[in-house]
C-alpha atoms as a PDB file:
ATOM      1  CA  MET A   1     -10.234  11.723 -51.366  1.00  0.00           C
ATOM      2  CA  HIS A   2      -7.633  11.230 -54.037  1.00  0.00           C
ATOM      3  CA  PRO A   3      -5.608   7.977 -53.714  1.00  0.00           C
ATOM      4  CA  SER A   4      -2.342   9.864 -53.791  1.00  0.00           C
ATOM      5  CA  THR A   5      -3.506  12.093 -50.936  1.00  0.00           C
ATOM      6  CA  SER A   6      -4.402   9.090 -48.747  1.00  0.00           C
ATOM      7  CA  SER A   7      -1.044   7.455 -49.443  1.00  0.00           C
ATOM      8  CA  VAL A   8       0.773  10.650 -48.493  1.00  0.00           C
ATOM      9  CA  SER A   9      -1.210  10.907 -45.229  1.00  0.00           C
ATOM     10  CA  LEU A  10      -0.362   7.288 -44.396  1.00  0.00           C
ATOM     11  CA  ARG A  11       3.309   7.958 -45.016  1.00  0.00           C
ATOM     12  CA  ARG A  12       3.160  10.968 -42.709  1.00  0.00           C
ATOM     13  CA  MET A  13       1.714   8.962 -39.806  1.00  0.00           C
ATOM     14  CA  PRO A  14       4.355   8.608 -37.065  1.00  0.00           C
ATOM     15  CA  ARG A  15       5.741   5.142 -36.689  1.00  0.00           C
ATOM     16  CA  MET A  16       6.558   3.730 -33.293  1.00  0.00           C
ATOM     17  CA  ALA A  17      10.250   3.057 -32.833  1.00  0.00           C
ATOM     18  CA  PRO A  18      11.245  -0.581 -32.256  1.00  0.00           C
ATOM     19  CA  SER A  19      12.568   0.312 -28.814  1.00  0.00           C
ATOM     20  CA  ARG A  20       9.189   1.761 -27.791  1.00  0.00           C
ATOM     21  CA  VAL A  21       7.409  -1.297 -29.162  1.00  0.00           C
ATOM     22  CA  PHE A  22       9.639  -3.484 -27.003  1.00  0.00           C
ATOM     23  CA  VAL A  23       8.925  -1.303 -23.957  1.00  0.00           C
ATOM     24  CA  HIS A  24       5.155  -1.548 -24.506  1.00  0.00           C
ATOM     25  CA  ILE A  25       5.330  -5.312 -24.973  1.00  0.00           C
ATOM     26  CA  THR A  26       7.358  -5.604 -21.770  1.00  0.00           C
ATOM     27  CA  LEU A  27       4.877  -3.460 -19.826  1.00  0.00           C
ATOM     28  CA  VAL A  28       1.904  -5.457 -21.118  1.00  0.00           C
ATOM     29  CA  GLY A  29       3.662  -8.688 -20.183  1.00  0.00           C
ATOM     30  CA  TYR A  30       4.360  -7.376 -16.693  1.00  0.00           C
ATOM     31  CA  LEU A  31       0.716  -6.270 -16.371  1.00  0.00           C
ATOM     32  CA  VAL A  32      -0.504  -9.750 -17.275  1.00  0.00           C
ATOM     33  CA  LEU A  33       2.018 -11.310 -14.892  1.00  0.00           C
ATOM     34  CA  ALA A  34       0.896  -9.038 -12.032  1.00  0.00           C
ATOM     35  CA  LEU A  35      -2.857  -9.374 -12.596  1.00  0.00           C
ATOM     36  CA  ALA A  36      -2.956 -13.108 -13.362  1.00  0.00           C
ATOM     37  CA  PRO A  37      -2.678 -14.302  -9.721  1.00  0.00           C
ATOM     38  CA  ILE A  38      -5.346 -11.812  -8.576  1.00  0.00           C
ATOM     39  CA  LEU A  39      -7.694 -12.831 -11.386  1.00  0.00           C
ATOM     40  CA  LEU A  40      -7.040 -16.496 -10.616  1.00  0.00           C
ATOM     41  CA  VAL A  41      -8.011 -16.000  -6.965  1.00  0.00           C
ATOM     42  CA  PHE A  42     -11.198 -14.129  -7.884  1.00  0.00           C
ATOM     43  CA  MET A  43     -12.247 -16.710 -10.475  1.00  0.00           C
ATOM     44  CA  ASN A  44     -11.762 -19.699  -8.229  1.00  0.00           C
ATOM     45  CA  SER A  45     -13.499 -18.024  -5.291  1.00  0.00           C
ATOM     46  CA  PHE A  46     -16.766 -18.349  -7.262  1.00  0.00           C
ATOM     47  CA  LYS A  47     -16.301 -22.036  -8.109  1.00  0.00           C
ATOM     48  CA  SER A  48     -17.014 -25.293  -6.366  1.00  0.00           C
ATOM     49  CA  ARG A  49     -14.221 -27.267  -4.753  1.00  0.00           C
ATOM     50  CA  ASP A  50     -14.171 -29.915  -7.507  1.00  0.00           C
ATOM     51  CA  ALA A  51     -14.024 -27.237 -10.208  1.00  0.00           C
ATOM     52  CA  ILE A  52     -11.095 -25.548  -8.488  1.00  0.00           C
ATOM     53  CA  PHE A  53      -9.009 -28.714  -8.623  1.00  0.00           C
ATOM     54  CA  ASN A  54     -10.251 -30.029 -11.979  1.00  0.00           C
ATOM     55  CA  ASN A  55      -9.677 -26.847 -13.985  1.00  0.00           C
ATOM     56  CA  PRO A  56      -8.328 -23.927 -11.932  1.00  0.00           C
ATOM     57  CA  LEU A  57      -7.667 -21.773 -15.028  1.00  0.00           C
ATOM     58  CA  ALA A  58     -11.253 -21.902 -16.300  1.00  0.00           C
ATOM     59  CA  PHE A  59     -13.827 -19.189 -15.682  1.00  0.00           C
ATOM     60  CA  PRO A  60     -16.884 -20.079 -13.586  1.00  0.00           C
ATOM     61  CA  THR A  61     -19.743 -21.546 -15.577  1.00  0.00           C
ATOM     62  CA  ALA A  62     -23.356 -22.334 -14.759  1.00  0.00           C
ATOM     63  CA  ASP A  63     -22.272 -25.803 -13.610  1.00  0.00           C
ATOM     64  CA  THR A  64     -19.215 -24.754 -11.608  1.00  0.00           C
ATOM     65  CA  PHE A  65     -20.443 -21.458 -10.127  1.00  0.00           C
ATOM     66  CA  SER A  66     -20.735 -21.567  -6.342  1.00  0.00           C
ATOM     67  CA  LEU A  67     -20.865 -19.092  -3.452  1.00  0.00           C
ATOM     68  CA  ILE A  68     -20.118 -21.709  -0.806  1.00  0.00           C
ATOM     69  CA  GLY A  69     -16.813 -20.035   0.067  1.00  0.00           C
ATOM     70  CA  TYR A  70     -18.386 -16.630   0.699  1.00  0.00           C
ATOM     71  CA  SER A  71     -21.241 -18.165   2.685  1.00  0.00           C
ATOM     72  CA  LYS A  72     -18.733 -19.931   4.945  1.00  0.00           C
ATOM     73  CA  VAL A  73     -16.707 -16.782   5.438  1.00  0.00           C
ATOM     74  CA  LEU A  74     -19.711 -14.562   6.156  1.00  0.00           C
ATOM     75  CA  ALA A  75     -21.239 -17.191   8.428  1.00  0.00           C
ATOM     76  CA  ASN A  76     -18.163 -16.891  10.614  1.00  0.00           C
ATOM     77  CA  SER A  77     -19.011 -13.975  12.893  1.00  0.00           C
ATOM     78  CA  HIS A  78     -15.342 -13.249  13.577  1.00  0.00           C
ATOM     79  CA  VAL A  79     -14.484 -12.362   9.968  1.00  0.00           C
ATOM     80  CA  LEU A  80     -16.102  -8.933  10.194  1.00  0.00           C
ATOM     81  CA  SER A  81     -14.146  -8.355  13.384  1.00  0.00           C
ATOM     82  CA  TYR A  82     -10.931  -9.292  11.556  1.00  0.00           C
ATOM     83  CA  PHE A  83     -11.742  -6.790   8.829  1.00  0.00           C
ATOM     84  CA  SER A  84     -12.486  -4.048  11.332  1.00  0.00           C
ATOM     85  CA  ASN A  85      -9.226  -4.763  13.184  1.00  0.00           C
ATOM     86  CA  SER A  86      -7.252  -4.537   9.943  1.00  0.00           C
ATOM     87  CA  ALA A  87      -9.052  -1.335   8.974  1.00  0.00           C
ATOM     88  CA  ILE A  88      -8.441   0.287  12.369  1.00  0.00           C
ATOM     89  CA  VAL A  89      -4.766  -0.652  12.425  1.00  0.00           C
ATOM     90  CA  THR A  90      -4.181   0.402   8.823  1.00  0.00           C
ATOM     91  CA  VAL A  91      -6.021   3.732   9.000  1.00  0.00           C
ATOM     92  CA  ALA A  92      -4.480   4.703  12.356  1.00  0.00           C
ATOM     93  CA  SER A  93      -0.992   3.737  11.205  1.00  0.00           C
ATOM     94  CA  LEU A  94      -1.362   5.661   7.942  1.00  0.00           C
ATOM     95  CA  PHE A  95      -2.635   8.739   9.775  1.00  0.00           C
ATOM     96  CA  PHE A  96       0.313   8.903  12.165  1.00  0.00           C
ATOM     97  CA  ILE A  97       2.879   7.954   9.508  1.00  0.00           C
ATOM     98  CA  LEU A  98       1.711  10.696   7.147  1.00  0.00           C
ATOM     99  CA  LEU A  99       1.319  13.278   9.925  1.00  0.00           C
ATOM    100  CA  PHE A 100       4.605  12.681  11.745  1.00  0.00           C
ATOM    101  CA  GLY A 101       6.465  11.843   8.531  1.00  0.00           C
ATOM    102  CA  ALA A 102       5.367  15.057   6.821  1.00  0.00           C
ATOM    103  CA  MET A 103       6.192  17.185   9.861  1.00  0.00           C
ATOM    104  CA  ALA A 104       9.623  15.591  10.269  1.00  0.00           C
ATOM    105  CA  ALA A 105      10.308  15.927   6.541  1.00  0.00           C
ATOM    106  CA  TRP A 106       9.333  19.603   6.714  1.00  0.00           C
ATOM    107  CA  ALA A 107      11.717  20.186   9.610  1.00  0.00           C
ATOM    108  CA  LEU A 108      14.614  18.397   7.899  1.00  0.00           C
ATOM    109  CA  SER A 109      14.128  20.110   4.540  1.00  0.00           C
ATOM    110  CA  GLU A 110      13.301  23.636   5.748  1.00  0.00           C
ATOM    111  CA  TYR A 111      15.398  24.216   8.849  1.00  0.00           C
ATOM    112  CA  HIS A 112      19.152  23.765   9.032  1.00  0.00           C
ATOM    113  CA  PHE A 113      20.494  22.847  12.442  1.00  0.00           C
ATOM    114  CA  PRO A 114      23.412  20.847  13.837  1.00  0.00           C
ATOM    115  CA  GLY A 115      22.878  17.155  13.204  1.00  0.00           C
ATOM    116  CA  ASN A 116      20.443  17.682  10.315  1.00  0.00           C
ATOM    117  CA  ARG A 117      22.467  15.492   7.960  1.00  0.00           C
ATOM    118  CA  TRP A 118      23.006  12.823  10.617  1.00  0.00           C
ATOM    119  CA  LEU A 119      19.275  12.611  11.212  1.00  0.00           C
ATOM    120  CA  LYS A 120      18.696  12.025   7.499  1.00  0.00           C
ATOM    121  CA  LEU A 121      21.293   9.250   7.539  1.00  0.00           C
ATOM    122  CA  PHE A 122      19.615   7.784  10.606  1.00  0.00           C
ATOM    123  CA  PHE A 123      16.259   7.598   8.852  1.00  0.00           C
ATOM    124  CA  ALA A 124      17.914   6.192   5.731  1.00  0.00           C
ATOM    125  CA  PHE A 125      19.429   3.496   7.925  1.00  0.00           C
ATOM    126  CA  GLY A 126      15.912   2.705   9.142  1.00  0.00           C
ATOM    127  CA  ILE A 127      14.928   1.867   5.560  1.00  0.00           C
ATOM    128  CA  MET A 128      17.853  -0.480   5.043  1.00  0.00           C
ATOM    129  CA  VAL A 129      17.451  -2.476   8.282  1.00  0.00           C
ATOM    130  CA  PRO A 130      14.281  -4.631   8.449  1.00  0.00           C
ATOM    131  CA  ILE A 131      12.280  -4.006  11.604  1.00  0.00           C
ATOM    132  CA  ARG A 132      11.674  -7.738  11.962  1.00  0.00           C
ATOM    133  CA  LEU A 133      15.263  -8.153  13.111  1.00  0.00           C
ATOM    134  CA  GLY A 134      14.187  -6.533  16.370  1.00  0.00           C
ATOM    135  CA  THR A 135      11.142  -8.727  16.917  1.00  0.00           C
ATOM    136  CA  VAL A 136      12.393 -10.152  20.224  1.00  0.00           C
ATOM    137  CA  SER A 137      13.162  -6.709  21.640  1.00  0.00           C
ATOM    138  CA  ILE A 138       9.844  -5.345  20.386  1.00  0.00           C
ATOM    139  CA  LEU A 139       7.990  -8.202  22.046  1.00  0.00           C
ATOM    140  CA  GLN A 140       9.827  -7.577  25.325  1.00  0.00           C
ATOM    141  CA  ILE A 141       8.894  -3.884  25.179  1.00  0.00           C
ATOM    142  CA  MET A 142       5.244  -4.657  24.486  1.00  0.00           C
ATOM    143  CA  VAL A 143       5.138  -7.168  27.340  1.00  0.00           C
ATOM    144  CA  GLY A 144       6.645  -4.576  29.678  1.00  0.00           C
ATOM    145  CA  LEU A 145       4.068  -1.993  28.574  1.00  0.00           C
ATOM    146  CA  ASP A 146       1.245  -4.553  28.828  1.00  0.00           C
ATOM    147  CA  LEU A 147       0.316  -3.965  25.182  1.00  0.00           C
ATOM    148  CA  VAL A 148       0.363  -7.572  23.973  1.00  0.00           C
ATOM    149  CA  ASN A 149      -2.903  -8.590  22.286  1.00  0.00           C
ATOM    150  CA  THR A 150      -3.853  -4.971  21.637  1.00  0.00           C
ATOM    151  CA  LEU A 151      -4.196  -3.080  18.376  1.00  0.00           C
ATOM    152  CA  THR A 152      -2.099  -0.288  19.878  1.00  0.00           C
ATOM    153  CA  ALA A 153       0.971  -2.523  19.731  1.00  0.00           C
ATOM    154  CA  LEU A 154       0.498  -3.097  16.009  1.00  0.00           C
ATOM    155  CA  VAL A 155      -0.051   0.609  15.333  1.00  0.00           C
ATOM    156  CA  LEU A 156       3.141   1.560  17.190  1.00  0.00           C
ATOM    157  CA  VAL A 157       5.197  -1.009  15.302  1.00  0.00           C
ATOM    158  CA  TYR A 158       3.800  -0.052  11.900  1.00  0.00           C
ATOM    159  CA  VAL A 159       4.339   3.656  12.548  1.00  0.00           C
ATOM    160  CA  ALA A 160       7.955   2.984  13.446  1.00  0.00           C
ATOM    161  CA  GLN A 161       8.269   0.807  10.342  1.00  0.00           C
ATOM    162  CA  GLY A 162       6.771   3.331   7.914  1.00  0.00           C
ATOM    163  CA  LEU A 163       8.245   6.592   9.176  1.00  0.00           C
ATOM    164  CA  PRO A 164      11.759   6.298   7.642  1.00  0.00           C
ATOM    165  CA  LEU A 165      10.459   5.790   4.094  1.00  0.00           C
ATOM    166  CA  ALA A 166       7.828   8.507   4.493  1.00  0.00           C
ATOM    167  CA  ILE A 167      10.366  11.014   5.794  1.00  0.00           C
ATOM    168  CA  MET A 168      12.885  10.320   3.044  1.00  0.00           C
ATOM    169  CA  ILE A 169      10.325  10.606   0.226  1.00  0.00           C
ATOM    170  CA  LEU A 170       8.496  13.648   1.582  1.00  0.00           C
ATOM    171  CA  SER A 171      11.668  15.537   2.488  1.00  0.00           C
ATOM    172  CA  GLU A 172      12.867  15.320  -1.118  1.00  0.00           C
ATOM    173  CA  PHE A 173       9.582  16.698  -2.406  1.00  0.00           C
ATOM    174  CA  MET A 174       9.320  19.419   0.228  1.00  0.00           C
ATOM    175  CA  GLY A 175      12.826  20.545  -0.614  1.00  0.00           C
ATOM    176  CA  GLN A 176      11.561  21.359  -4.118  1.00  0.00           C
ATOM    177  CA  VAL A 177       8.811  23.722  -2.921  1.00  0.00           C
ATOM    178  CA  PRO A 178       9.767  27.242  -4.082  1.00  0.00           C
ATOM    179  CA  GLY A 179      11.090  29.371  -1.250  1.00  0.00           C
ATOM    180  CA  GLU A 180       9.298  32.414  -2.653  1.00  0.00           C
ATOM    181  CA  LEU A 181       5.924  30.874  -1.767  1.00  0.00           C
ATOM    182  CA  LYS A 182       6.966  30.279   1.821  1.00  0.00           C
ATOM    183  CA  ASP A 183       8.512  33.744   2.151  1.00  0.00           C
ATOM    184  CA  ALA A 184       5.351  35.334   0.750  1.00  0.00           C
ATOM    185  CA  ALA A 185       3.253  33.429   3.265  1.00  0.00           C
ATOM    186  CA  ARG A 186       5.521  34.615   6.099  1.00  0.00           C
ATOM    187  CA  CYS A 187       5.169  38.198   4.887  1.00  0.00           C
ATOM    188  CA  ASP A 188       1.395  37.750   5.056  1.00  0.00           C
ATOM    189  CA  GLY A 189       1.710  36.824   8.713  1.00  0.00           C
ATOM    190  CA  ILE A 190       0.981  33.107   8.351  1.00  0.00           C
ATOM    191  CA  SER A 191       2.556  30.976  11.060  1.00  0.00           C
ATOM    192  CA  GLU A 192       4.943  28.120  10.362  1.00  0.00           C
ATOM    193  CA  PHE A 193       2.163  25.611  11.013  1.00  0.00           C
ATOM    194  CA  GLY A 194      -0.054  27.528   8.614  1.00  0.00           C
ATOM    195  CA  ILE A 195       2.637  27.483   5.936  1.00  0.00           C
ATOM    196  CA  PHE A 196       3.084  23.764   6.428  1.00  0.00           C
ATOM    197  CA  PHE A 197      -0.604  22.834   6.247  1.00  0.00           C
ATOM    198  CA  GLN A 198      -1.844  25.490   3.808  1.00  0.00           C
ATOM    199  CA  VAL A 199       1.087  25.856   1.399  1.00  0.00           C
ATOM    200  CA  VAL A 200       3.435  22.882   1.557  1.00  0.00           C
ATOM    201  CA  VAL A 201       1.060  19.944   2.112  1.00  0.00           C
ATOM    202  CA  PRO A 202      -1.232  20.749  -0.877  1.00  0.00           C
ATOM    203  CA  LEU A 203       1.820  20.977  -3.143  1.00  0.00           C
ATOM    204  CA  VAL A 204       3.157  17.566  -2.150  1.00  0.00           C
ATOM    205  CA  ARG A 205      -0.127  15.638  -2.372  1.00  0.00           C
ATOM    206  CA  PRO A 206       1.240  13.274  -5.078  1.00  0.00           C
ATOM    207  CA  ALA A 207       4.106  12.349  -2.753  1.00  0.00           C
ATOM    208  CA  ILE A 208       1.704  11.840   0.158  1.00  0.00           C
ATOM    209  CA  ALA A 209      -0.468   9.558  -1.989  1.00  0.00           C
ATOM    210  CA  THR A 210       2.633   7.604  -3.039  1.00  0.00           C
ATOM    211  CA  VAL A 211       3.695   7.130   0.574  1.00  0.00           C
ATOM    212  CA  ALA A 212       0.141   6.130   1.553  1.00  0.00           C
ATOM    213  CA  VAL A 213      -0.059   3.388  -1.084  1.00  0.00           C
ATOM    214  CA  PHE A 214       3.450   2.068  -0.454  1.00  0.00           C
ATOM    215  CA  THR A 215       2.793   2.018   3.298  1.00  0.00           C
ATOM    216  CA  MET A 216      -0.741   0.693   3.307  1.00  0.00           C
ATOM    217  CA  VAL A 217      -0.088  -2.504   1.343  1.00  0.00           C
ATOM    218  CA  PRO A 218       2.594  -3.972   3.678  1.00  0.00           C
ATOM    219  CA  ILE A 219       0.514  -3.099   6.751  1.00  0.00           C
ATOM    220  CA  TRP A 220      -2.672  -4.667   5.396  1.00  0.00           C
ATOM    221  CA  ASN A 221      -0.875  -7.813   4.198  1.00  0.00           C
ATOM    222  CA  ASP A 222       1.391  -8.286   7.213  1.00  0.00           C
ATOM    223  CA  LEU A 223       1.177 -11.604   9.035  1.00  0.00           C
ATOM    224  CA  TRP A 224       4.345 -11.503  11.128  1.00  0.00           C
ATOM    225  CA  PHE A 225       3.545  -8.920  13.802  1.00  0.00           C
ATOM    226  CA  PRO A 226      -0.173  -9.789  14.203  1.00  0.00           C
ATOM    227  CA  LEU A 227       0.894 -13.381  14.811  1.00  0.00           C
ATOM    228  CA  ILE A 228       3.441 -12.350  17.451  1.00  0.00           C
ATOM    229  CA  LEU A 229       1.903  -9.269  19.089  1.00  0.00           C
ATOM    230  CA  ALA A 230      -1.866  -9.736  18.664  1.00  0.00           C
ATOM    231  CA  PRO A 231      -2.772 -13.401  18.152  1.00  0.00           C
ATOM    232  CA  SER A 232      -5.897 -13.386  20.346  1.00  0.00           C
ATOM    233  CA  GLU A 233      -9.344 -13.871  18.843  1.00  0.00           C
ATOM    234  CA  LYS A 234     -10.375 -10.256  19.513  1.00  0.00           C
ATOM    235  CA  THR A 235      -7.296  -8.628  17.930  1.00  0.00           C
ATOM    236  CA  GLN A 236      -6.616 -10.827  14.914  1.00  0.00           C
ATOM    237  CA  THR A 237      -6.332  -9.066  11.571  1.00  0.00           C
ATOM    238  CA  ILE A 238      -7.820 -10.405   8.361  1.00  0.00           C
ATOM    239  CA  THR A 239      -4.491 -11.836   7.198  1.00  0.00           C
ATOM    240  CA  LEU A 240      -4.128 -13.799  10.407  1.00  0.00           C
ATOM    241  CA  GLY A 241      -7.809 -14.718  10.567  1.00  0.00           C
ATOM    242  CA  ILE A 242      -7.652 -16.386   7.148  1.00  0.00           C
ATOM    243  CA  GLN A 243      -5.281 -18.951   8.621  1.00  0.00           C
ATOM    244  CA  GLN A 244      -8.174 -20.597  10.475  1.00  0.00           C
ATOM    245  CA  PHE A 245      -9.334 -22.048   7.147  1.00  0.00           C
ATOM    246  CA  VAL A 246      -5.908 -23.613   6.575  1.00  0.00           C
ATOM    247  CA  GLY A 247      -5.483 -26.841   8.528  1.00  0.00           C
ATOM    248  CA  GLN A 248      -2.603 -29.252   8.969  1.00  0.00           C
ATOM    249  CA  TYR A 249      -4.376 -32.073   7.157  1.00  0.00           C
ATOM    250  CA  ALA A 250      -7.180 -30.324   5.274  1.00  0.00           C
ATOM    251  CA  THR A 251      -7.697 -26.850   3.828  1.00  0.00           C
ATOM    252  CA  ASP A 252     -11.039 -25.263   3.001  1.00  0.00           C
ATOM    253  CA  TRP A 253      -9.971 -23.728  -0.304  1.00  0.00           C
ATOM    254  CA  ASN A 254     -13.373 -22.216  -1.012  1.00  0.00           C
ATOM    255  CA  ALA A 255     -13.240 -20.210   2.201  1.00  0.00           C
ATOM    256  CA  VAL A 256      -9.556 -19.349   1.760  1.00  0.00           C
ATOM    257  CA  LEU A 257     -10.038 -17.993  -1.771  1.00  0.00           C
ATOM    258  CA  ALA A 258     -13.204 -16.122  -0.789  1.00  0.00           C
ATOM    259  CA  SER A 259     -11.529 -14.467   2.192  1.00  0.00           C
ATOM    260  CA  LEU A 260      -8.481 -13.596   0.110  1.00  0.00           C
ATOM    261  CA  SER A 261     -10.715 -12.006  -2.522  1.00  0.00           C
ATOM    262  CA  MET A 262     -12.428  -9.926   0.149  1.00  0.00           C
ATOM    263  CA  ALA A 263      -9.055  -8.901   1.582  1.00  0.00           C
ATOM    264  CA  ILE A 264      -7.808  -7.757  -1.828  1.00  0.00           C
ATOM    265  CA  VAL A 265     -10.720  -5.380  -2.406  1.00  0.00           C
ATOM    266  CA  PRO A 266      -9.571  -2.540  -0.035  1.00  0.00           C
ATOM    267  CA  VAL A 267      -6.100  -2.481  -1.598  1.00  0.00           C
ATOM    268  CA  VAL A 268      -7.531  -2.332  -5.113  1.00  0.00           C
ATOM    269  CA  LEU A 269      -9.952   0.443  -4.136  1.00  0.00           C
ATOM    270  CA  LEU A 270      -7.174   2.474  -2.523  1.00  0.00           C
ATOM    271  CA  TYR A 271      -5.047   2.173  -5.642  1.00  0.00           C
ATOM    272  CA  ALA A 272      -7.989   3.134  -7.850  1.00  0.00           C
ATOM    273  CA  LEU A 273      -8.631   6.248  -5.748  1.00  0.00           C
ATOM    274  CA  PHE A 274      -5.006   7.385  -5.600  1.00  0.00           C
ATOM    275  CA  SER A 275      -3.673   6.005  -8.890  1.00  0.00           C
ATOM    276  CA  ARG A 276      -3.412   9.417 -10.551  1.00  0.00           C
ATOM    277  CA  GLN A 277      -1.649  10.946  -7.557  1.00  0.00           C
ATOM    278  CA  LEU A 278       0.555   7.866  -7.276  1.00  0.00           C
ATOM    279  CA  ILE A 279       1.691   8.084 -10.905  1.00  0.00           C
ATOM    280  CA  ARG A 280       2.303  11.823 -10.577  1.00  0.00           C
ATOM    281  CA  GLY A 281       4.384  11.256  -7.462  1.00  0.00           C
ATOM    282  CA  ILE A 282       6.478   8.502  -9.055  1.00  0.00           C
ATOM    283  CA  THR A 283       7.099  10.429 -12.279  1.00  0.00           C
ATOM    284  CA  ALA A 284       7.914  13.619 -10.388  1.00  0.00           C
ATOM    285  CA  GLY A 285      10.371  11.705  -8.233  1.00  0.00           C
ATOM    286  CA  ALA A 286      11.985  10.223 -11.337  1.00  0.00           C
ATOM    287  CA  VAL A 287      12.415  13.683 -12.874  1.00  0.00           C
ATOM    288  CA  LYS A 288      13.985  14.982  -9.664  1.00  0.00           C
END
């Protein structure tokens, strides 16, 4: 290739604007800031206690590598029960939040009736007011229903907590579904339930994935309601069960870091599975 030709091709290469460079640097910095604590927990979970305190920022080596934390956690027979409790509560809550939230969003976006706007404002108010402000009343209700120390109590609370956000997000997306598709389905004799499940739901899958991720993380990580509504040994979630390794005068950091690492894995896997749908849902919402 002639030197002049190569110089011309280099000059024609698009240059990144300074503003875009700054944006990329900011995003990389935020990525490092977000992943650093997770990486720090994983690294130290495979180290001995002395290595954790002597050099917490160092990677495990042949001298510092240790699985004592995981052996302690797995030796505790209740840990698997904590995981199963968290999984049951999270999956059941997500199922009902997505089902009821999508159906309510469909009703609010498709059908116009008296009080439609007031219902939307009511659900928006549910986003602004933290559900923890009603902890005393919730506890009184659960005591009256004899649901204390049951997973049902946690599912009911989490469904009530997640429905407002799910309805607001899904209603905006369902309002963008072309009316021609729904009218064509009605002309073909498909029922309203058929239109909802066969036409509308597949088109709003990115929004459903976004709601699932945003709802799952607070439920899985919650400590407040399991501590108040289900503190018994049989109903403890993984977040509450980890607290047994934290004492008033001594803390088993190996077991704490190992259990935290195991608790992080489901959240990371969920994000990895729905990351594409999550990004599509966020970008589509930004465009709208």
